């Protein structure tokens, strides 16, 4: 049976690369992209949604499940990057990285988790970053590291709650 793979951020470089890999494996790829972004759908089943907006993310996920019937894997690649040291990084820059990297991920991971729990299992993949694991590697990336470090914590929480039926990796 073909797997159904949800990929957020499918109009970005990482999302495109991940989608291509699963398409080559014969899987059905469901791609979520942000309003205003250009996406060449090809064999990807496209959905447009602002994942920073919880209501929009919830609506998009419900539509995807209603139309696709199930999801086996959710790969949440949507996110952003910013450089800046401690002295130059404003709280608004930190908040922006939290919004792009955690908030978007949380909105879809929450929906995927509930769906997979009801369905009896699944896989969720979150995109972390090595500098978020080691402060020495995060020098000059303050906002980015703070946002991505929360993604790792979210993966831990999903694994703790999912136990043996839902596996989450970051």
C-alpha atoms as a PDB file:
ATOM      1  CA  UNK A   1       0.000   0.000   0.000  1.00  0.00           C
ATOM      2  CA  UNK A   2       1.300   3.463  -0.892  1.00  0.00           C
ATOM      3  CA  UNK A   3       2.139   5.551   2.143  1.00  0.00           C
ATOM      4  CA  UNK A   4       0.607   8.993   2.517  1.00  0.00           C
ATOM      5  CA  UNK A   5       3.253  11.514   3.471  1.00  0.00           C
ATOM      6  CA  UNK A   6       2.417  15.050   4.618  1.00  0.00           C
ATOM      7  CA  UNK A   7       5.236  17.536   4.066  1.00  0.00           C
ATOM      8  CA  UNK A   8       4.973  21.134   5.239  1.00  0.00           C
ATOM      9  CA  UNK A   9       7.182  23.802   3.726  1.00  0.00           C
ATOM     10  CA  UNK A  10       7.093  21.917   0.442  1.00  0.00           C
ATOM     11  CA  UNK A  11       7.856  25.082  -1.554  1.00  0.00           C
ATOM     12  CA  UNK A  12      11.195  25.495   0.260  1.00  0.00           C
ATOM     13  CA  UNK A  13      14.467  23.792  -0.606  1.00  0.00           C
ATOM     14  CA  UNK A  14      14.335  21.146   2.124  1.00  0.00           C
ATOM     15  CA  UNK A  15      10.641  20.434   1.604  1.00  0.00           C
ATOM     16  CA  UNK A  16      11.148  19.995  -2.142  1.00  0.00           C
ATOM     17  CA  UNK A  17      14.064  17.613  -1.638  1.00  0.00           C
ATOM     18  CA  UNK A  18      12.131  15.509   0.877  1.00  0.00           C
ATOM     19  CA  UNK A  19       9.081  15.426  -1.400  1.00  0.00           C
ATOM     20  CA  UNK A  20      11.170  14.263  -4.362  1.00  0.00           C
ATOM     21  CA  UNK A  21      12.623  11.414  -2.312  1.00  0.00           C
ATOM     22  CA  UNK A  22       9.185  10.126  -1.293  1.00  0.00           C
ATOM     23  CA  UNK A  23       7.752  10.548  -4.784  1.00  0.00           C
ATOM     24  CA  UNK A  24      10.593   8.392  -6.135  1.00  0.00           C
ATOM     25  CA  UNK A  25       9.589   5.729  -3.597  1.00  0.00           C
ATOM     26  CA  UNK A  26       6.067   5.712  -5.023  1.00  0.00           C
ATOM     27  CA  UNK A  27       4.445   7.349  -2.011  1.00  0.00           C
ATOM     28  CA  UNK A  28       1.618   9.867  -2.160  1.00  0.00           C
ATOM     29  CA  UNK A  29       3.040  13.258  -1.149  1.00  0.00           C
ATOM     30  CA  UNK A  30       0.696  15.839   0.311  1.00  0.00           C
ATOM     31  CA  UNK A  31       2.432  19.210   0.324  1.00  0.00           C
ATOM     32  CA  UNK A  32       1.510  22.244   2.389  1.00  0.00           C
ATOM     33  CA  UNK A  33       2.892  25.581   1.274  1.00  0.00           C
ATOM     34  CA  UNK A  34       2.461  29.156   2.517  1.00  0.00           C
ATOM     35  CA  UNK A  35       0.161  31.677   0.838  1.00  0.00           C
ATOM     36  CA  UNK A  36       2.109  33.779  -1.631  1.00  0.00           C
ATOM     37  CA  UNK A  37       4.724  31.080  -2.219  1.00  0.00           C
ATOM     38  CA  UNK A  38       5.071  29.516  -5.628  1.00  0.00           C
ATOM     39  CA  UNK A  39       4.741  25.778  -5.813  1.00  0.00           C
ATOM     40  CA  UNK A  40       4.963  23.567  -8.837  1.00  0.00           C
ATOM     41  CA  UNK A  41       2.730  20.714  -7.751  1.00  0.00           C
ATOM     42  CA  UNK A  42       3.698  18.052 -10.285  1.00  0.00           C
ATOM     43  CA  UNK A  43       2.826  14.801  -8.529  1.00  0.00           C
ATOM     44  CA  UNK A  44       2.452  16.535  -5.150  1.00  0.00           C
ATOM     45  CA  UNK A  45      -1.090  16.983  -3.839  1.00  0.00           C
ATOM     46  CA  UNK A  46      -0.955  20.704  -2.908  1.00  0.00           C
ATOM     47  CA  UNK A  47      -2.602  22.529  -0.005  1.00  0.00           C
ATOM     48  CA  UNK A  48      -2.085  26.192   0.777  1.00  0.00           C
ATOM     49  CA  UNK A  49      -2.168  27.294   4.430  1.00  0.00           C
ATOM     50  CA  UNK A  50      -0.631  29.849   6.768  1.00  0.00           C
ATOM     51  CA  UNK A  51       0.705  27.491   9.425  1.00  0.00           C
ATOM     52  CA  UNK A  52       1.498  30.362  11.780  1.00  0.00           C
ATOM     53  CA  UNK A  53      -2.276  30.720  12.216  1.00  0.00           C
ATOM     54  CA  UNK A  54      -3.661  27.945  14.416  1.00  0.00           C
ATOM     55  CA  UNK A  55      -7.163  28.090  12.938  1.00  0.00           C
ATOM     56  CA  UNK A  56      -5.801  27.981   9.375  1.00  0.00           C
ATOM     57  CA  UNK A  57      -3.514  25.057  10.236  1.00  0.00           C
ATOM     58  CA  UNK A  58      -6.362  23.163  11.904  1.00  0.00           C
ATOM     59  CA  UNK A  59      -8.672  23.774   8.941  1.00  0.00           C
ATOM     60  CA  UNK A  60      -5.999  22.706   6.443  1.00  0.00           C
ATOM     61  CA  UNK A  61      -5.230  19.529   8.376  1.00  0.00           C
ATOM     62  CA  UNK A  62      -8.909  18.609   8.637  1.00  0.00           C
ATOM     63  CA  UNK A  63      -9.319  19.138   4.881  1.00  0.00           C
ATOM     64  CA  UNK A  64      -6.252  17.016   4.135  1.00  0.00           C
ATOM     65  CA  UNK A  65      -7.464  14.123   6.285  1.00  0.00           C
ATOM     66  CA  UNK A  66     -11.002  14.365   4.868  1.00  0.00           C
ATOM     67  CA  UNK A  67      -9.677  14.219   1.300  1.00  0.00           C
ATOM     68  CA  UNK A  68      -6.774  11.784   1.830  1.00  0.00           C
ATOM     69  CA  UNK A  69      -8.432   9.532   4.455  1.00  0.00           C
ATOM     70  CA  UNK A  70      -5.203   8.927   6.353  1.00  0.00           C
ATOM     71  CA  UNK A  71      -1.638  10.065   6.941  1.00  0.00           C
ATOM     72  CA  UNK A  72       1.219   7.701   7.679  1.00  0.00           C
ATOM     73  CA  UNK A  73       4.043  10.188   8.112  1.00  0.00           C
ATOM     74  CA  UNK A  74       4.135  13.935   8.769  1.00  0.00           C
ATOM     75  CA  UNK A  75       7.416  15.668   7.925  1.00  0.00           C
ATOM     76  CA  UNK A  76       7.305  19.248   9.122  1.00  0.00           C
ATOM     77  CA  UNK A  77      10.011  21.148   7.236  1.00  0.00           C
ATOM     78  CA  UNK A  78       8.512  24.623   7.307  1.00  0.00           C
ATOM     79  CA  UNK A  79      10.732  27.076   9.185  1.00  0.00           C
ATOM     80  CA  UNK A  80      13.141  29.939   8.900  1.00  0.00           C
ATOM     81  CA  UNK A  81      16.693  31.060   9.603  1.00  0.00           C
ATOM     82  CA  UNK A  82      18.225  34.240  10.986  1.00  0.00           C
ATOM     83  CA  UNK A  83      21.681  35.250  12.100  1.00  0.00           C
ATOM     84  CA  UNK A  84      22.448  37.599  14.953  1.00  0.00           C
ATOM     85  CA  UNK A  85      24.517  37.702  18.117  1.00  0.00           C
ATOM     86  CA  UNK A  86      23.138  38.401  21.591  1.00  0.00           C
ATOM     87  CA  UNK A  87      23.774  42.143  21.431  1.00  0.00           C
ATOM     88  CA  UNK A  88      22.076  42.617  18.066  1.00  0.00           C
ATOM     89  CA  UNK A  89      19.162  40.195  18.405  1.00  0.00           C
ATOM     90  CA  UNK A  90      15.916  41.843  19.440  1.00  0.00           C
ATOM     91  CA  UNK A  91      13.043  40.031  21.090  1.00  0.00           C
ATOM     92  CA  UNK A  92      11.010  40.505  17.907  1.00  0.00           C
ATOM     93  CA  UNK A  93      13.708  38.566  16.017  1.00  0.00           C
ATOM     94  CA  UNK A  94      13.525  35.778  18.611  1.00  0.00           C
ATOM     95  CA  UNK A  95       9.729  35.758  18.418  1.00  0.00           C
ATOM     96  CA  UNK A  96       9.893  35.548  14.621  1.00  0.00           C
ATOM     97  CA  UNK A  97      12.114  32.452  14.780  1.00  0.00           C
ATOM     98  CA  UNK A  98       9.824  30.884  17.392  1.00  0.00           C
ATOM     99  CA  UNK A  99       6.835  31.604  15.144  1.00  0.00           C
ATOM    100  CA  UNK A 100       8.491  30.176  12.029  1.00  0.00           C
ATOM    101  CA  UNK A 101      10.206  27.180  13.614  1.00  0.00           C
ATOM    102  CA  UNK A 102       8.099  26.147  16.607  1.00  0.00           C
ATOM    103  CA  UNK A 103       4.640  27.611  16.115  1.00  0.00           C
ATOM    104  CA  UNK A 104       4.182  26.263  12.585  1.00  0.00           C
ATOM    105  CA  UNK A 105       5.565  22.904  13.667  1.00  0.00           C
ATOM    106  CA  UNK A 106       3.425  22.760  16.801  1.00  0.00           C
ATOM    107  CA  UNK A 107       0.192  23.519  14.972  1.00  0.00           C
ATOM    108  CA  UNK A 108       0.667  20.658  12.522  1.00  0.00           C
ATOM    109  CA  UNK A 109       2.343  18.224  14.935  1.00  0.00           C
ATOM    110  CA  UNK A 110      -0.583  18.610  17.316  1.00  0.00           C
ATOM    111  CA  UNK A 111      -3.058  17.756  14.564  1.00  0.00           C
ATOM    112  CA  UNK A 112      -0.935  14.895  13.202  1.00  0.00           C
ATOM    113  CA  UNK A 113      -0.464  13.467  16.689  1.00  0.00           C
ATOM    114  CA  UNK A 114      -4.222  13.396  17.358  1.00  0.00           C
ATOM    115  CA  UNK A 115      -4.907  11.831  13.945  1.00  0.00           C
ATOM    116  CA  UNK A 116      -2.202   9.186  14.352  1.00  0.00           C
ATOM    117  CA  UNK A 117      -3.264   8.370  17.899  1.00  0.00           C
ATOM    118  CA  UNK A 118      -6.788   7.652  16.667  1.00  0.00           C
ATOM    119  CA  UNK A 119      -5.451   5.732  13.647  1.00  0.00           C
ATOM    120  CA  UNK A 120      -3.247   3.508  15.806  1.00  0.00           C
ATOM    121  CA  UNK A 121       0.136   4.999  15.007  1.00  0.00           C
ATOM    122  CA  UNK A 122       2.344   6.943  12.665  1.00  0.00           C
ATOM    123  CA  UNK A 123       5.559   8.893  12.344  1.00  0.00           C
ATOM    124  CA  UNK A 124       6.221  12.598  12.833  1.00  0.00           C
ATOM    125  CA  UNK A 125       9.502  14.176  11.739  1.00  0.00           C
ATOM    126  CA  UNK A 126      10.458  17.631  13.004  1.00  0.00           C
ATOM    127  CA  UNK A 127      13.403  19.633  11.713  1.00  0.00           C
ATOM    128  CA  UNK A 128      15.876  20.623  14.394  1.00  0.00           C
ATOM    129  CA  UNK A 129      19.336  22.116  13.980  1.00  0.00           C
ATOM    130  CA  UNK A 130      22.673  21.042  15.451  1.00  0.00           C
ATOM    131  CA  UNK A 131      23.479  24.522  16.847  1.00  0.00           C
ATOM    132  CA  UNK A 132      20.353  24.223  19.026  1.00  0.00           C
ATOM    133  CA  UNK A 133      22.022  21.330  20.860  1.00  0.00           C
ATOM    134  CA  UNK A 134      25.315  23.084  21.617  1.00  0.00           C
ATOM    135  CA  UNK A 135      25.588  26.728  22.637  1.00  0.00           C
ATOM    136  CA  UNK A 136      29.127  26.961  21.270  1.00  0.00           C
ATOM    137  CA  UNK A 137      27.830  26.118  17.806  1.00  0.00           C
ATOM    138  CA  UNK A 138      25.013  28.635  18.151  1.00  0.00           C
ATOM    139  CA  UNK A 139      27.169  31.727  18.520  1.00  0.00           C
ATOM    140  CA  UNK A 140      25.814  34.359  16.158  1.00  0.00           C
ATOM    141  CA  UNK A 141      22.514  32.488  15.737  1.00  0.00           C
ATOM    142  CA  UNK A 142      20.682  33.503  18.915  1.00  0.00           C
ATOM    143  CA  UNK A 143      17.090  33.735  17.646  1.00  0.00           C
ATOM    144  CA  UNK A 144      17.425  30.697  15.395  1.00  0.00           C
ATOM    145  CA  UNK A 145      18.917  28.527  18.143  1.00  0.00           C
ATOM    146  CA  UNK A 146      16.225  29.498  20.634  1.00  0.00           C
ATOM    147  CA  UNK A 147      13.459  28.656  18.157  1.00  0.00           C
ATOM    148  CA  UNK A 148      14.996  25.338  17.104  1.00  0.00           C
ATOM    149  CA  UNK A 149      15.776  24.260  20.677  1.00  0.00           C
ATOM    150  CA  UNK A 150      12.043  24.295  21.375  1.00  0.00           C
ATOM    151  CA  UNK A 151      11.473  21.994  18.395  1.00  0.00           C
ATOM    152  CA  UNK A 152      13.697  19.374  20.069  1.00  0.00           C
ATOM    153  CA  UNK A 153      11.691  19.693  23.284  1.00  0.00           C
ATOM    154  CA  UNK A 154       8.452  19.274  21.318  1.00  0.00           C
ATOM    155  CA  UNK A 155       9.808  16.026  19.835  1.00  0.00           C
ATOM    156  CA  UNK A 156      10.589  14.754  23.340  1.00  0.00           C
ATOM    157  CA  UNK A 157       7.057  15.558  24.503  1.00  0.00           C
ATOM    158  CA  UNK A 158       5.449  13.897  21.478  1.00  0.00           C
ATOM    159  CA  UNK A 159       7.492  10.748  22.099  1.00  0.00           C
ATOM    160  CA  UNK A 160       6.602  10.720  25.790  1.00  0.00           C
ATOM    161  CA  UNK A 161       2.886  11.000  25.042  1.00  0.00           C
ATOM    162  CA  UNK A 162       2.926   8.783  21.957  1.00  0.00           C
ATOM    163  CA  UNK A 163       4.700   5.897  23.683  1.00  0.00           C
ATOM    164  CA  UNK A 164       5.003   2.981  21.276  1.00  0.00           C
ATOM    165  CA  UNK A 165       2.399   3.986  18.665  1.00  0.00           C
ATOM    166  CA  UNK A 166       3.712   7.345  17.476  1.00  0.00           C
ATOM    167  CA  UNK A 167       7.401   7.919  16.870  1.00  0.00           C
ATOM    168  CA  UNK A 168       8.714  11.453  16.592  1.00  0.00           C
ATOM    169  CA  UNK A 169      12.227  12.416  15.528  1.00  0.00           C
ATOM    170  CA  UNK A 170      13.911  15.811  15.270  1.00  0.00           C
END
